[in-house]
Amino acid sequence: MIKQKRAIQKSFEHSFVKIYYNTSMQPLIIKYLTQQLEAALKYHAIVLDDPENLHQFRIALRRMRSIIKLYMPEAYAFSEVLKQIFKQTNTVRELDVLLESLNKKHNSELYKYIRQYKDERYRTLLSPDVLDNQKHSLKGLHSEFIFFYTADPVTSLFDPVFTLYTKTLRAYKKTKQSASTAQLHQLRINFKTSRYALELLHTEGIYYAAKEIKQCKKTLDKLGAIQDSQNQLDLLKNICQDHDTKACNKILKKRKKILRKLRKSSMN
């Protein structure tokens, strides 16, 4: 394991230092954050038109927050703004995913009930006032972080992501089926942060990270399936309390089995 880690580190450092020695990371980070902020604002303007728009909006928020936390940890206030906006969309996104997973023909009554419930949550959680506040907060970020950020040598781009990636991969390989939801969620967050940072290095030609990115995506698919399944199960439990039908309880039992299988196939 130690030899493997040193080999990976040597590969990282060789490609990295060779290309970007003695340059500044400030323009690169600011450019990336600006691009993601523009994407967030683009999808935020049409967030109510289609569930996919909300999904893409959340991805842009997550990418910004991941890069800020990894490379600008002192800028916690910016990360907190993004976190609060992200949390405001959690429930509606989970309902979107739940609806997409249901067979509309076989569960027409339950589907209709959940669709109505989702529409109500959209109106409440993403009201015009909420959306206006979100837009104002996002537009205020760029002018603030561009002056806040102090450039460091570009070598600091490499160290944080290498450390996080290797540590997270090692932790995942030791994770058992009995791992808590919180543990799996943290692993997923760390893999996403690793992926976004590695994609940044890869896209900018700093390091050829195709192998590591592929590993992150593969693991994220597994952890994402578990988290989606857990979220759907939690939502269904609440829904079935108010909508106690055979169809609802039948799906609830089925989803419990699916979650157990996902954990078994994804963990040691």
C-alpha atoms as a PDB file:
ATOM      1  CA  MET A   1       0.000   0.000   0.000  1.00  0.00           C
ATOM      2  CA  ILE A   2       2.836   2.410   0.892  1.00  0.00           C
ATOM      3  CA  LYS A   3       4.707   1.601  -2.334  1.00  0.00           C
ATOM      4  CA  GLN A   4       1.518   2.027  -4.344  1.00  0.00           C
ATOM      5  CA  LYS A   5       0.814   5.382  -2.677  1.00  0.00           C
ATOM      6  CA  ARG A   6       4.355   6.607  -3.386  1.00  0.00           C
ATOM      7  CA  ALA A   7       4.065   5.493  -7.007  1.00  0.00           C
ATOM      8  CA  ILE A   8       0.800   7.379  -7.446  1.00  0.00           C
ATOM      9  CA  GLN A   9       2.243  10.436  -5.725  1.00  0.00           C
ATOM     10  CA  LYS A  10       5.341  10.341  -7.935  1.00  0.00           C
ATOM     11  CA  SER A  11       3.147  10.126 -11.035  1.00  0.00           C
ATOM     12  CA  PHE A  12       1.027  13.056  -9.844  1.00  0.00           C
ATOM     13  CA  GLU A  13       4.007  15.226  -8.987  1.00  0.00           C
ATOM     14  CA  HIS A  14       5.976  14.489 -12.158  1.00  0.00           C
ATOM     15  CA  SER A  15       3.199  15.540 -14.517  1.00  0.00           C
ATOM     16  CA  PHE A  16       2.146  18.416 -12.323  1.00  0.00           C
ATOM     17  CA  VAL A  17       5.453  20.180 -11.671  1.00  0.00           C
ATOM     18  CA  LYS A  18       6.706  19.655 -15.216  1.00  0.00           C
ATOM     19  CA  ILE A  19       3.863  21.641 -16.759  1.00  0.00           C
ATOM     20  CA  TYR A  20       2.998  24.335 -14.228  1.00  0.00           C
ATOM     21  CA  TYR A  21       6.103  25.114 -12.230  1.00  0.00           C
ATOM     22  CA  ASN A  22       6.293  28.720 -10.977  1.00  0.00           C
ATOM     23  CA  THR A  23       2.851  29.811 -12.147  1.00  0.00           C
ATOM     24  CA  SER A  24      -0.126  31.191 -10.261  1.00  0.00           C
ATOM     25  CA  MET A  25      -3.264  29.243  -9.444  1.00  0.00           C
ATOM     26  CA  GLN A  26      -5.381  32.344  -8.851  1.00  0.00           C
ATOM     27  CA  PRO A  27      -6.607  32.872 -12.440  1.00  0.00           C
ATOM     28  CA  LEU A  28      -7.397  29.168 -12.768  1.00  0.00           C
ATOM     29  CA  ILE A  29      -9.477  28.944  -9.591  1.00  0.00           C
ATOM     30  CA  ILE A  30     -11.272  32.226 -10.240  1.00  0.00           C
ATOM     31  CA  LYS A  31     -11.992  31.194 -13.833  1.00  0.00           C
ATOM     32  CA  TYR A  32     -13.421  27.864 -12.702  1.00  0.00           C
ATOM     33  CA  LEU A  33     -15.600  29.385  -9.995  1.00  0.00           C
ATOM     34  CA  THR A  34     -16.833  32.049 -12.411  1.00  0.00           C
ATOM     35  CA  GLN A  35     -17.764  29.414 -14.998  1.00  0.00           C
ATOM     36  CA  GLN A  36     -19.697  27.401 -12.429  1.00  0.00           C
ATOM     37  CA  LEU A  37     -21.386  30.516 -11.075  1.00  0.00           C
ATOM     38  CA  GLU A  38     -22.527  31.433 -14.583  1.00  0.00           C
ATOM     39  CA  ALA A  39     -23.858  27.902 -15.060  1.00  0.00           C
ATOM     40  CA  ALA A  40     -25.693  28.102 -11.733  1.00  0.00           C
ATOM     41  CA  LEU A  41     -27.346  31.401 -12.667  1.00  0.00           C
ATOM     42  CA  LYS A  42     -28.256  30.064 -16.110  1.00  0.00           C
ATOM     43  CA  TYR A  43     -30.081  27.040 -14.712  1.00  0.00           C
ATOM     44  CA  HIS A  44     -31.483  28.965 -11.759  1.00  0.00           C
ATOM     45  CA  ALA A  45     -33.394  31.207 -14.190  1.00  0.00           C
ATOM     46  CA  ILE A  46     -35.221  28.143 -15.579  1.00  0.00           C
ATOM     47  CA  VAL A  47     -35.133  25.945 -12.491  1.00  0.00           C
ATOM     48  CA  LEU A  48     -38.928  25.531 -12.389  1.00  0.00           C
ATOM     49  CA  ASP A  49     -39.247  24.516 -16.040  1.00  0.00           C
ATOM     50  CA  ASP A  50     -37.780  21.027 -15.815  1.00  0.00           C
ATOM     51  CA  PRO A  51     -36.369  18.728 -13.091  1.00  0.00           C
ATOM     52  CA  GLU A  52     -33.145  18.437 -15.087  1.00  0.00           C
ATOM     53  CA  ASN A  53     -32.589  22.189 -14.752  1.00  0.00           C
ATOM     54  CA  LEU A  54     -32.749  21.871 -10.976  1.00  0.00           C
ATOM     55  CA  HIS A  55     -30.309  18.963 -11.152  1.00  0.00           C
ATOM     56  CA  GLN A  56     -27.802  20.943 -13.237  1.00  0.00           C
ATOM     57  CA  PHE A  57     -28.204  23.941 -10.929  1.00  0.00           C
ATOM     58  CA  ARG A  58     -27.321  21.785  -7.936  1.00  0.00           C
ATOM     59  CA  ILE A  59     -24.297  20.316  -9.731  1.00  0.00           C
ATOM     60  CA  ALA A  60     -22.919  23.808 -10.362  1.00  0.00           C
ATOM     61  CA  LEU A  61     -23.434  24.726  -6.694  1.00  0.00           C
ATOM     62  CA  ARG A  62     -21.742  21.531  -5.581  1.00  0.00           C
ATOM     63  CA  ARG A  63     -18.768  22.073  -7.867  1.00  0.00           C
ATOM     64  CA  MET A  64     -18.235  25.597  -6.534  1.00  0.00           C
ATOM     65  CA  ARG A  65     -18.545  24.528  -2.935  1.00  0.00           C
ATOM     66  CA  SER A  66     -16.176  21.592  -3.405  1.00  0.00           C
ATOM     67  CA  ILE A  67     -13.431  23.712  -4.960  1.00  0.00           C
ATOM     68  CA  ILE A  68     -13.847  26.465  -2.365  1.00  0.00           C
ATOM     69  CA  LYS A  69     -13.648  23.988   0.522  1.00  0.00           C
ATOM     70  CA  LEU A  70     -10.612  22.247  -0.957  1.00  0.00           C
ATOM     71  CA  TYR A  71      -8.565  25.252  -2.053  1.00  0.00           C
ATOM     72  CA  MET A  72     -10.057  28.160  -0.088  1.00  0.00           C
ATOM     73  CA  PRO A  73     -10.994  26.641   3.312  1.00  0.00           C
ATOM     74  CA  GLU A  74     -10.735  30.048   4.962  1.00  0.00           C
ATOM     75  CA  ALA A  75     -13.592  31.251   2.741  1.00  0.00           C
ATOM     76  CA  TYR A  76     -16.144  29.350   4.822  1.00  0.00           C
ATOM     77  CA  ALA A  77     -18.707  32.156   4.476  1.00  0.00           C
ATOM     78  CA  PHE A  78     -18.916  31.610   0.721  1.00  0.00           C
ATOM     79  CA  SER A  79     -19.245  27.869   1.198  1.00  0.00           C
ATOM     80  CA  GLU A  80     -22.014  28.428   3.744  1.00  0.00           C
ATOM     81  CA  VAL A  81     -24.018  30.576   1.300  1.00  0.00           C
ATOM     82  CA  LEU A  82     -23.844  27.804  -1.295  1.00  0.00           C
ATOM     83  CA  LYS A  83     -24.700  25.177   1.307  1.00  0.00           C
ATOM     84  CA  GLN A  84     -27.856  26.983   2.409  1.00  0.00           C
ATOM     85  CA  ILE A  85     -29.069  27.447  -1.170  1.00  0.00           C
ATOM     86  CA  PHE A  86     -28.323  23.795  -1.895  1.00  0.00           C
ATOM     87  CA  LYS A  87     -30.238  22.632   1.186  1.00  0.00           C
ATOM     88  CA  GLN A  88     -33.294  24.628   0.102  1.00  0.00           C
ATOM     89  CA  THR A  89     -33.531  22.405  -2.979  1.00  0.00           C
ATOM     90  CA  ASN A  90     -32.907  19.024  -1.311  1.00  0.00           C
ATOM     91  CA  THR A  91     -36.507  17.972  -0.755  1.00  0.00           C
ATOM     92  CA  VAL A  92     -37.785  18.889  -4.214  1.00  0.00           C
ATOM     93  CA  ARG A  93     -34.843  17.147  -5.876  1.00  0.00           C
ATOM     94  CA  GLU A  94     -35.444  14.001  -3.834  1.00  0.00           C
ATOM     95  CA  LEU A  95     -39.110  14.073  -4.837  1.00  0.00           C
ATOM     96  CA  ASP A  96     -38.109  14.446  -8.492  1.00  0.00           C
ATOM     97  CA  VAL A  97     -35.867  11.385  -8.224  1.00  0.00           C
ATOM     98  CA  LEU A  98     -38.576   9.406  -6.428  1.00  0.00           C
ATOM     99  CA  LEU A  99     -41.140  10.181  -9.125  1.00  0.00           C
ATOM    100  CA  GLU A 100     -38.711   9.206 -11.870  1.00  0.00           C
ATOM    101  CA  SER A 101     -38.205   5.833 -10.189  1.00  0.00           C
ATOM    102  CA  LEU A 102     -41.919   4.991 -10.024  1.00  0.00           C
ATOM    103  CA  ASN A 103     -43.832   3.172 -12.730  1.00  0.00           C
ATOM    104  CA  LYS A 104     -46.591   5.641 -13.560  1.00  0.00           C
ATOM    105  CA  LYS A 105     -48.893   3.016 -15.075  1.00  0.00           C
ATOM    106  CA  HIS A 106     -48.564   0.452 -12.291  1.00  0.00           C
ATOM    107  CA  ASN A 107     -48.718   3.026  -9.485  1.00  0.00           C
ATOM    108  CA  SER A 108     -51.002   5.654 -10.984  1.00  0.00           C
ATOM    109  CA  GLU A 109     -52.780   6.614  -7.738  1.00  0.00           C
ATOM    110  CA  LEU A 110     -49.593   6.852  -5.684  1.00  0.00           C
ATOM    111  CA  TYR A 111     -47.796   8.626  -8.522  1.00  0.00           C
ATOM    112  CA  LYS A 112     -50.545  11.232  -8.712  1.00  0.00           C
ATOM    113  CA  TYR A 113     -50.475  11.744  -4.945  1.00  0.00           C
ATOM    114  CA  ILE A 114     -46.689  12.212  -4.861  1.00  0.00           C
ATOM    115  CA  ARG A 115     -46.825  14.501  -7.898  1.00  0.00           C
ATOM    116  CA  GLN A 116     -49.329  16.759  -6.139  1.00  0.00           C
ATOM    117  CA  TYR A 117     -47.221  16.699  -2.993  1.00  0.00           C
ATOM    118  CA  LYS A 118     -44.122  17.602  -5.027  1.00  0.00           C
ATOM    119  CA  ASP A 119     -45.888  20.513  -6.710  1.00  0.00           C
ATOM    120  CA  GLU A 120     -46.894  21.839  -3.293  1.00  0.00           C
ATOM    121  CA  ARG A 121     -43.310  21.587  -2.029  1.00  0.00           C
ATOM    122  CA  TYR A 122     -42.018  23.358  -5.130  1.00  0.00           C
ATOM    123  CA  ARG A 123     -44.410  26.247  -4.541  1.00  0.00           C
ATOM    124  CA  THR A 124     -43.373  26.499  -0.893  1.00  0.00           C
ATOM    125  CA  LEU A 125     -39.638  25.787  -1.005  1.00  0.00           C
ATOM    126  CA  LEU A 126     -38.950  27.553  -4.309  1.00  0.00           C
ATOM    127  CA  SER A 127     -41.352  30.466  -4.058  1.00  0.00           C
ATOM    128  CA  PRO A 128     -40.643  33.710  -5.989  1.00  0.00           C
ATOM    129  CA  ASP A 129     -39.222  35.301  -2.829  1.00  0.00           C
ATOM    130  CA  VAL A 130     -36.908  32.353  -2.193  1.00  0.00           C
ATOM    131  CA  LEU A 131     -35.700  32.346  -5.797  1.00  0.00           C
ATOM    132  CA  ASP A 132     -35.066  36.103  -5.725  1.00  0.00           C
ATOM    133  CA  ASN A 133     -33.005  35.778  -2.550  1.00  0.00           C
ATOM    134  CA  GLN A 134     -31.010  32.915  -4.041  1.00  0.00           C
ATOM    135  CA  LYS A 135     -30.301  34.892  -7.206  1.00  0.00           C
ATOM    136  CA  HIS A 136     -29.189  37.927  -5.201  1.00  0.00           C
ATOM    137  CA  SER A 137     -26.865  35.800  -3.059  1.00  0.00           C
ATOM    138  CA  LEU A 138     -25.286  34.101  -6.071  1.00  0.00           C
ATOM    139  CA  LYS A 139     -24.693  37.352  -7.932  1.00  0.00           C
ATOM    140  CA  GLY A 140     -22.994  38.805  -4.876  1.00  0.00           C
ATOM    141  CA  LEU A 141     -20.495  35.954  -4.611  1.00  0.00           C
ATOM    142  CA  HIS A 142     -18.274  36.723  -7.579  1.00  0.00           C
ATOM    143  CA  SER A 143     -17.410  40.296  -6.671  1.00  0.00           C
ATOM    144  CA  GLU A 144     -16.566  39.103  -3.162  1.00  0.00           C
ATOM    145  CA  PHE A 145     -14.427  36.013  -3.722  1.00  0.00           C
ATOM    146  CA  ILE A 146     -12.385  37.556  -6.533  1.00  0.00           C
ATOM    147  CA  PHE A 147     -10.986  40.077  -4.010  1.00  0.00           C
ATOM    148  CA  PHE A 148     -10.886  37.647  -1.099  1.00  0.00           C
ATOM    149  CA  TYR A 149      -8.786  34.996  -2.778  1.00  0.00           C
ATOM    150  CA  THR A 150      -5.006  35.264  -2.368  1.00  0.00           C
ATOM    151  CA  ALA A 151      -2.951  33.309  -4.879  1.00  0.00           C
ATOM    152  CA  ASP A 152      -0.582  30.574  -3.719  1.00  0.00           C
ATOM    153  CA  PRO A 153       1.979  28.630  -5.770  1.00  0.00           C
ATOM    154  CA  VAL A 154       0.250  26.276  -8.161  1.00  0.00           C
ATOM    155  CA  THR A 155       1.761  23.262  -6.407  1.00  0.00           C
ATOM    156  CA  SER A 156      -0.968  23.705  -3.807  1.00  0.00           C
ATOM    157  CA  LEU A 157      -3.445  22.589  -6.466  1.00  0.00           C
ATOM    158  CA  PHE A 158      -1.902  19.147  -6.384  1.00  0.00           C
ATOM    159  CA  ASP A 159      -1.422  18.420  -2.679  1.00  0.00           C
ATOM    160  CA  PRO A 160      -5.003  18.823  -1.388  1.00  0.00           C
ATOM    161  CA  VAL A 161      -6.666  16.676  -4.046  1.00  0.00           C
ATOM    162  CA  PHE A 162      -4.018  13.953  -3.905  1.00  0.00           C
ATOM    163  CA  THR A 163      -4.345  13.707  -0.134  1.00  0.00           C
ATOM    164  CA  LEU A 164      -8.151  13.687  -0.225  1.00  0.00           C
ATOM    165  CA  TYR A 165      -8.414  11.183  -3.085  1.00  0.00           C
ATOM    166  CA  THR A 166      -6.023   8.596  -1.640  1.00  0.00           C
ATOM    167  CA  LYS A 167      -7.470   8.929   1.866  1.00  0.00           C
ATOM    168  CA  THR A 168     -11.057   8.585   0.628  1.00  0.00           C
ATOM    169  CA  LEU A 169     -10.318   5.622  -1.636  1.00  0.00           C
ATOM    170  CA  ARG A 170      -8.582   3.841   1.221  1.00  0.00           C
ATOM    171  CA  ALA A 171     -11.513   4.544   3.570  1.00  0.00           C
ATOM    172  CA  TYR A 172     -14.027   3.290   1.004  1.00  0.00           C
ATOM    173  CA  LYS A 173     -12.197  -0.018   0.566  1.00  0.00           C
ATOM    174  CA  LYS A 174     -12.447  -0.568   4.329  1.00  0.00           C
ATOM    175  CA  THR A 175     -16.143   0.331   4.520  1.00  0.00           C
ATOM    176  CA  LYS A 176     -18.531  -2.430   5.601  1.00  0.00           C
ATOM    177  CA  GLN A 177     -22.184  -3.071   4.753  1.00  0.00           C
ATOM    178  CA  SER A 178     -23.127  -1.907   8.238  1.00  0.00           C
ATOM    179  CA  ALA A 179     -21.688   1.573   7.653  1.00  0.00           C
ATOM    180  CA  SER A 180     -24.020   4.363   8.714  1.00  0.00           C
ATOM    181  CA  THR A 181     -25.818   6.590   6.228  1.00  0.00           C
ATOM    182  CA  ALA A 182     -23.743   9.516   7.493  1.00  0.00           C
ATOM    183  CA  GLN A 183     -20.483   7.648   6.824  1.00  0.00           C
ATOM    184  CA  LEU A 184     -21.516   6.792   3.272  1.00  0.00           C
ATOM    185  CA  HIS A 185     -22.700  10.340   2.675  1.00  0.00           C
ATOM    186  CA  GLN A 186     -19.327  11.737   3.761  1.00  0.00           C
ATOM    187  CA  LEU A 187     -17.511   9.291   1.495  1.00  0.00           C
ATOM    188  CA  ARG A 188     -19.676  10.422  -1.389  1.00  0.00           C
ATOM    189  CA  ILE A 189     -18.950  14.082  -0.671  1.00  0.00           C
ATOM    190  CA  ASN A 190     -15.207  13.398  -0.566  1.00  0.00           C
ATOM    191  CA  PHE A 191     -15.270  11.448  -3.823  1.00  0.00           C
ATOM    192  CA  LYS A 192     -17.228  14.239  -5.502  1.00  0.00           C
ATOM    193  CA  THR A 193     -14.761  16.843  -4.299  1.00  0.00           C
ATOM    194  CA  SER A 194     -11.903  14.661  -5.547  1.00  0.00           C
ATOM    195  CA  ARG A 195     -13.601  14.194  -8.895  1.00  0.00           C
ATOM    196  CA  TYR A 196     -14.273  17.891  -9.460  1.00  0.00           C
ATOM    197  CA  ALA A 197     -10.717  18.884  -8.525  1.00  0.00           C
ATOM    198  CA  LEU A 198      -9.200  16.115 -10.650  1.00  0.00           C
ATOM    199  CA  GLU A 199     -11.380  17.134 -13.589  1.00  0.00           C
ATOM    200  CA  LEU A 200     -10.097  20.678 -13.179  1.00  0.00           C
ATOM    201  CA  LEU A 201      -6.470  19.510 -13.250  1.00  0.00           C
ATOM    202  CA  HIS A 202      -7.205  17.206 -16.187  1.00  0.00           C
ATOM    203  CA  THR A 203      -9.084  19.794 -18.264  1.00  0.00           C
ATOM    204  CA  GLU A 204      -6.385  22.414 -17.758  1.00  0.00           C
ATOM    205  CA  GLY A 205      -3.636  19.980 -18.747  1.00  0.00           C
ATOM    206  CA  ILE A 206      -2.032  20.002 -15.316  1.00  0.00           C
ATOM    207  CA  TYR A 207      -2.320  16.265 -14.742  1.00  0.00           C
ATOM    208  CA  TYR A 208      -3.700  13.411 -16.836  1.00  0.00           C
ATOM    209  CA  ALA A 209      -6.227  12.136 -14.312  1.00  0.00           C
ATOM    210  CA  ALA A 210      -8.468   9.939 -16.490  1.00  0.00           C
ATOM    211  CA  LYS A 211      -7.838   6.848 -14.349  1.00  0.00           C
ATOM    212  CA  GLU A 212      -8.571   8.586 -11.061  1.00  0.00           C
ATOM    213  CA  ILE A 213     -11.640  10.347 -12.476  1.00  0.00           C
ATOM    214  CA  LYS A 214     -12.968   7.020 -13.749  1.00  0.00           C
ATOM    215  CA  GLN A 215     -12.486   5.492 -10.291  1.00  0.00           C
ATOM    216  CA  CYS A 216     -14.332   8.401  -8.673  1.00  0.00           C
ATOM    217  CA  LYS A 217     -17.248   8.113 -11.104  1.00  0.00           C
ATOM    218  CA  LYS A 218     -17.497   4.354 -10.629  1.00  0.00           C
ATOM    219  CA  THR A 219     -17.568   4.656  -6.849  1.00  0.00           C
ATOM    220  CA  LEU A 220     -19.940   7.627  -6.952  1.00  0.00           C
ATOM    221  CA  ASP A 221     -22.405   5.609  -9.027  1.00  0.00           C
ATOM    222  CA  LYS A 222     -22.480   2.964  -6.295  1.00  0.00           C
ATOM    223  CA  LEU A 223     -22.696   5.399  -3.397  1.00  0.00           C
ATOM    224  CA  GLY A 224     -25.210   7.548  -5.274  1.00  0.00           C
ATOM    225  CA  ALA A 225     -27.491   4.578  -5.858  1.00  0.00           C
ATOM    226  CA  ILE A 226     -27.393   3.782  -2.139  1.00  0.00           C
ATOM    227  CA  GLN A 227     -28.107   7.364  -1.113  1.00  0.00           C
ATOM    228  CA  ASP A 228     -30.929   7.761  -3.646  1.00  0.00           C
ATOM    229  CA  SER A 229     -32.436   4.510  -2.428  1.00  0.00           C
ATOM    230  CA  GLN A 230     -32.163   5.624   1.216  1.00  0.00           C
ATOM    231  CA  ASN A 231     -33.688   9.032   0.435  1.00  0.00           C
ATOM    232  CA  GLN A 232     -36.561   7.437  -1.457  1.00  0.00           C
ATOM    233  CA  LEU A 233     -37.162   5.024   1.391  1.00  0.00           C
ATOM    234  CA  ASP A 234     -37.275   7.866   3.926  1.00  0.00           C
ATOM    235  CA  LEU A 235     -39.670   9.857   1.732  1.00  0.00           C
ATOM    236  CA  LEU A 236     -41.920   6.862   1.195  1.00  0.00           C
ATOM    237  CA  LYS A 237     -42.088   6.200   4.942  1.00  0.00           C
ATOM    238  CA  ASN A 238     -43.413   9.717   5.502  1.00  0.00           C
ATOM    239  CA  ILE A 239     -45.752   9.563   2.525  1.00  0.00           C
ATOM    240  CA  CYS A 240     -47.163   6.185   3.536  1.00  0.00           C
ATOM    241  CA  GLN A 241     -48.081   7.596   6.943  1.00  0.00           C
ATOM    242  CA  ASP A 242     -50.445  10.050   5.252  1.00  0.00           C
ATOM    243  CA  HIS A 243     -51.316   7.860   2.296  1.00  0.00           C
ATOM    244  CA  ASP A 244     -51.694   4.416   3.840  1.00  0.00           C
ATOM    245  CA  THR A 245     -52.473   2.187   0.868  1.00  0.00           C
ATOM    246  CA  LYS A 246     -51.462  -1.310  -0.187  1.00  0.00           C
ATOM    247  CA  ALA A 247     -49.568   0.102  -3.147  1.00  0.00           C
ATOM    248  CA  CYS A 248     -47.557   2.441  -0.955  1.00  0.00           C
ATOM    249  CA  ASN A 249     -46.666  -0.235   1.583  1.00  0.00           C
ATOM    250  CA  LYS A 250     -45.822  -2.698  -1.185  1.00  0.00           C
ATOM    251  CA  ILE A 251     -43.374  -0.284  -2.764  1.00  0.00           C
ATOM    252  CA  LEU A 252     -41.937   0.507   0.664  1.00  0.00           C
ATOM    253  CA  LYS A 253     -41.106  -3.164   1.268  1.00  0.00           C
ATOM    254  CA  LYS A 254     -39.633  -3.480  -2.211  1.00  0.00           C
ATOM    255  CA  ARG A 255     -37.396  -0.450  -1.708  1.00  0.00           C
ATOM    256  CA  LYS A 256     -36.072  -1.865   1.569  1.00  0.00           C
ATOM    257  CA  LYS A 257     -34.939  -4.996  -0.272  1.00  0.00           C
ATOM    258  CA  ILE A 258     -33.332  -2.917  -3.006  1.00  0.00           C
ATOM    259  CA  LEU A 259     -31.379  -0.898  -0.444  1.00  0.00           C
ATOM    260  CA  ARG A 260     -30.065  -4.053   1.240  1.00  0.00           C
ATOM    261  CA  LYS A 261     -28.928  -5.449  -2.115  1.00  0.00           C
ATOM    262  CA  LEU A 262     -27.201  -2.207  -3.055  1.00  0.00           C
ATOM    263  CA  ARG A 263     -25.288  -2.121   0.208  1.00  0.00           C
ATOM    264  CA  LYS A 264     -24.294  -5.765  -0.165  1.00  0.00           C
ATOM    265  CA  SER A 265     -23.040  -5.358  -3.734  1.00  0.00           C
ATOM    266  CA  SER A 266     -21.174  -2.106  -3.071  1.00  0.00           C
ATOM    267  CA  MET A 267     -19.489  -2.820   0.266  1.00  0.00           C
ATOM    268  CA  ASN A 268     -17.146  -5.455   1.657  1.00  0.00           C
END
